[in-house]
Amino acid sequence: MQKIKVVLMAVVCLALLAGDAVAQDTNAPRTKLEAFEAQTGTVIIMGKDQIGSVPAKAGTVLVGYRESTDTGSGQKEYGITVTIKVSEQIVDTTVIDYDEVESLIGGLERLSQIDWTATPLPSFEAVYTTRSGLRIATYSSRKQPGSIGVSLQSWQIIRSRASLSPEQLAQFRAFINQAKEKLDALLTGK
């Protein structure tokens, strides 16, 4: 009986430790750029610029880009930032690594082409999610039957959401393309 209690205690302790390890993982950087910028023991220069903003129904979506440099090694990392600003107090920025930008652009292109022929069912949702948790979705609108809505959600710090029209999605996609062009120029030295 005593052995069973010891074994059960050991199992419970291991389960608690495993749960704690998983919980700590959620705070870990999700992108290479975030991990690069979180380095300790070195000076990191983070250059950034804004491309533009898309006014949304409940806030604003800002697109920018970054170049971060480790002054010790000279190593650089690049990425795009998408900030959802719901109010002055609710601002959430998601980082997208440079190596994921092509996939994001392709996903945005496919999402912009989704229409009612995507499924024979009466409602739908098509979703693209980045490694860092930026979620872009097109969906059948319940509020305006026959129309298609778009939402951007960020889960970096707090859950922030912006609702866009298909035209605003096109503007957002154009800003992402412009940010990629700026990063391409930085990478090639032009």
Protein backbone atom coordinates (compact mmCIF):
# COMPACT_ATOMS: atom_id res chain seq x y z
CA MET A 1 0.00 0.00 0.00
CA GLN A 2 2.87 2.34 0.89
CA LYS A 3 4.54 1.65 -2.49
CA ILE A 4 1.36 2.57 -4.34
CA LYS A 5 1.19 5.92 -2.51
CA VAL A 6 4.83 6.65 -3.37
CA VAL A 7 4.28 5.77 -7.02
CA LEU A 8 1.11 7.91 -7.18
CA MET A 9 2.94 10.84 -5.55
CA ALA A 10 5.74 10.51 -8.09
CA VAL A 11 3.27 10.45 -10.99
CA VAL A 12 1.44 13.52 -9.67
CA CYS A 13 4.71 15.42 -9.18
CA LEU A 14 5.87 14.55 -12.71
CA ALA A 15 2.54 15.65 -14.16
CA LEU A 16 2.76 18.98 -12.32
CA LEU A 17 6.33 19.54 -13.48
CA ALA A 18 5.40 18.69 -17.08
CA GLY A 19 2.43 21.08 -16.93
CA ASP A 20 4.70 23.82 -15.58
CA ALA A 21 7.19 23.24 -18.42
CA VAL A 22 4.42 23.49 -21.02
CA ALA A 23 3.12 26.70 -19.42
CA GLN A 24 6.58 28.24 -19.57
CA ASP A 25 6.87 27.30 -23.25
CA THR A 26 3.98 29.63 -24.13
CA ASN A 27 6.12 32.60 -23.08
CA ALA A 28 9.02 31.53 -25.28
CA PRO A 29 9.69 33.56 -28.44
CA ARG A 30 7.76 32.14 -31.37
CA THR A 31 9.90 33.63 -34.12
CA LYS A 32 13.59 33.73 -34.92
CA LEU A 33 13.51 37.53 -34.80
CA GLU A 34 11.95 37.57 -31.31
CA ALA A 35 14.50 35.02 -30.06
CA PHE A 36 17.32 37.01 -31.65
CA GLU A 37 16.14 40.24 -29.99
CA ALA A 38 15.80 38.48 -26.61
CA GLN A 39 19.51 37.58 -26.46
CA THR A 40 21.34 38.60 -23.33
CA GLY A 41 24.94 39.68 -22.92
CA THR A 42 25.11 41.59 -26.19
CA VAL A 43 23.83 44.84 -27.70
CA ILE A 44 21.06 44.44 -30.26
CA ILE A 45 20.22 47.34 -32.57
CA MET A 46 16.59 47.17 -33.71
CA GLY A 47 15.90 49.32 -36.75
CA LYS A 48 12.24 49.69 -37.67
CA ASP A 49 9.96 51.58 -40.00
CA GLN A 50 6.23 51.75 -40.73
CA ILE A 51 4.81 51.05 -44.18
CA GLY A 52 1.22 52.11 -43.61
CA SER A 53 -2.01 51.64 -41.72
CA VAL A 54 -5.40 50.24 -42.59
CA PRO A 55 -8.35 51.75 -40.72
CA ALA A 56 -10.52 48.88 -39.52
CA LYS A 57 -14.07 48.78 -38.18
CA ALA A 58 -12.81 48.56 -34.59
CA GLY A 59 -9.33 50.05 -34.63
CA THR A 60 -6.34 50.19 -36.95
CA VAL A 61 -3.93 47.67 -38.47
CA LEU A 62 -0.36 48.92 -38.91
CA VAL A 63 2.28 47.19 -41.04
CA GLY A 64 5.98 47.73 -40.52
CA TYR A 65 9.32 45.98 -40.93
CA ARG A 66 12.44 45.44 -38.81
CA GLU A 67 16.12 44.75 -39.09
CA SER A 68 17.87 43.68 -35.89
CA THR A 69 21.67 43.50 -35.61
CA ASP A 70 23.85 41.83 -32.98
CA THR A 71 26.67 44.39 -32.60
CA GLY A 72 29.05 41.73 -31.31
CA SER A 73 28.75 39.22 -34.14
CA GLY A 74 27.27 41.40 -36.89
CA GLN A 75 24.49 38.84 -37.40
CA LYS A 76 21.17 40.23 -38.61
CA GLU A 77 17.56 39.06 -38.55
CA TYR A 78 14.65 40.57 -40.48
CA GLY A 79 10.89 40.54 -40.17
CA ILE A 80 7.56 42.24 -40.65
CA THR A 81 5.40 43.58 -37.85
CA VAL A 82 1.62 43.67 -37.82
CA THR A 83 0.13 45.80 -35.06
CA ILE A 84 -3.55 45.71 -34.21
CA LYS A 85 -4.51 48.84 -32.34
CA VAL A 86 -8.01 48.54 -30.92
CA SER A 87 -7.64 51.57 -28.60
CA GLU A 88 -4.87 53.54 -26.90
CA GLN A 89 -4.75 50.83 -24.21
CA ILE A 90 -5.15 47.77 -26.44
CA VAL A 91 -2.22 47.49 -28.85
CA ASP A 92 -0.76 44.14 -29.88
CA THR A 93 2.15 43.57 -32.28
CA THR A 94 2.91 40.28 -34.01
CA VAL A 95 6.29 39.61 -35.63
CA ILE A 96 6.61 37.56 -38.83
CA ASP A 97 10.06 36.23 -39.73
CA TYR A 98 11.41 37.11 -43.17
CA ASP A 99 11.49 33.42 -44.17
CA GLU A 100 7.71 33.22 -43.59
CA VAL A 101 6.74 36.32 -45.57
CA GLU A 102 6.38 34.53 -48.96
CA SER A 103 4.00 32.04 -47.36
CA LEU A 104 2.03 34.89 -45.77
CA ILE A 105 1.73 36.69 -49.12
CA GLY A 106 0.52 33.48 -50.77
CA GLY A 107 -1.97 32.90 -47.96
CA LEU A 108 -3.32 36.43 -48.28
CA GLU A 109 -3.67 35.95 -52.04
CA ARG A 110 -5.65 32.74 -51.55
CA LEU A 111 -7.81 34.27 -48.80
CA SER A 112 -8.68 37.21 -51.06
CA GLN A 113 -9.94 34.78 -53.71
CA ILE A 114 -12.30 32.87 -51.39
CA ASP A 115 -15.94 33.26 -52.34
CA TRP A 116 -19.23 31.42 -51.88
CA THR A 117 -18.15 28.64 -54.26
CA ALA A 118 -15.51 27.47 -51.73
CA THR A 119 -17.99 25.06 -50.14
CA PRO A 120 -21.53 23.87 -50.80
CA LEU A 121 -22.38 24.51 -47.14
CA PRO A 122 -24.29 27.65 -46.12
CA SER A 123 -21.40 29.23 -44.18
CA PHE A 124 -17.62 29.06 -44.22
CA GLU A 125 -14.38 30.29 -42.73
CA ALA A 126 -10.94 30.17 -44.40
CA VAL A 127 -7.96 30.78 -42.11
CA TYR A 128 -4.23 31.45 -42.44
CA THR A 129 -2.12 31.52 -39.25
CA THR A 130 1.52 32.54 -38.90
CA ARG A 131 4.02 30.83 -36.57
CA SER A 132 3.68 33.75 -34.19
CA GLY A 133 -0.10 33.45 -34.02
CA LEU A 134 -1.35 36.17 -36.36
CA ARG A 135 -4.62 34.74 -37.65
CA ILE A 136 -6.22 36.08 -40.83
CA ALA A 137 -9.65 34.75 -41.75
CA THR A 138 -12.26 35.31 -44.40
CA TYR A 139 -15.74 34.15 -43.47
CA SER A 140 -19.37 34.27 -44.42
CA SER A 141 -20.95 37.19 -42.65
CA ARG A 142 -24.00 36.49 -40.49
CA LYS A 143 -24.71 40.20 -40.10
CA GLN A 144 -24.83 40.83 -43.86
CA PRO A 145 -25.99 37.67 -45.63
CA GLY A 146 -24.25 37.15 -48.95
CA SER A 147 -21.19 39.18 -47.97
CA ILE A 148 -17.72 38.07 -46.94
CA GLY A 149 -15.96 39.43 -43.86
CA VAL A 150 -12.27 39.47 -42.95
CA SER A 151 -10.70 39.45 -39.51
CA LEU A 152 -7.15 39.76 -38.22
CA GLN A 153 -6.40 38.44 -34.76
CA SER A 154 -3.23 38.75 -32.74
CA TRP A 155 -2.58 36.69 -29.62
CA GLN A 156 0.88 37.97 -28.67
CA ILE A 157 0.03 39.82 -25.46
CA ILE A 158 -3.72 40.06 -25.44
CA ARG A 159 -6.36 38.92 -27.87
CA SER A 160 -6.76 41.77 -30.34
CA ARG A 161 -9.06 41.64 -33.33
CA ALA A 162 -9.70 43.92 -36.28
CA SER A 163 -12.49 43.46 -38.80
CA LEU A 164 -11.72 44.39 -42.39
CA SER A 165 -13.59 44.54 -45.66
CA PRO A 166 -12.21 42.63 -48.68
CA GLU A 167 -10.93 45.98 -50.00
CA GLN A 168 -9.08 46.64 -46.74
CA LEU A 169 -7.61 43.11 -46.94
CA ALA A 170 -6.22 44.07 -50.37
CA GLN A 171 -4.69 47.22 -48.87
CA PHE A 172 -3.18 45.15 -46.01
CA ARG A 173 -1.75 42.69 -48.56
CA ALA A 174 -0.22 45.58 -50.54
CA PHE A 175 1.47 46.86 -47.36
CA ILE A 176 2.87 43.38 -46.64
CA ASN A 177 4.24 43.28 -50.21
CA GLN A 178 5.82 46.72 -49.74
CA ALA A 179 7.42 45.63 -46.45
CA LYS A 180 8.87 42.56 -48.18
CA GLU A 181 10.30 44.76 -50.95
CA LYS A 182 11.95 46.98 -48.31
CA LEU A 183 13.44 43.91 -46.59
CA ASP A 184 14.61 42.50 -49.93
CA ALA A 185 16.42 45.80 -50.60
CA LEU A 186 18.09 45.64 -47.17
CA LEU A 187 19.19 42.06 -47.79
CA THR A 188 20.68 42.84 -51.20
CA GLY A 189 22.23 46.12 -50.04
CA LYS A 190 20.30 48.29 -52.51
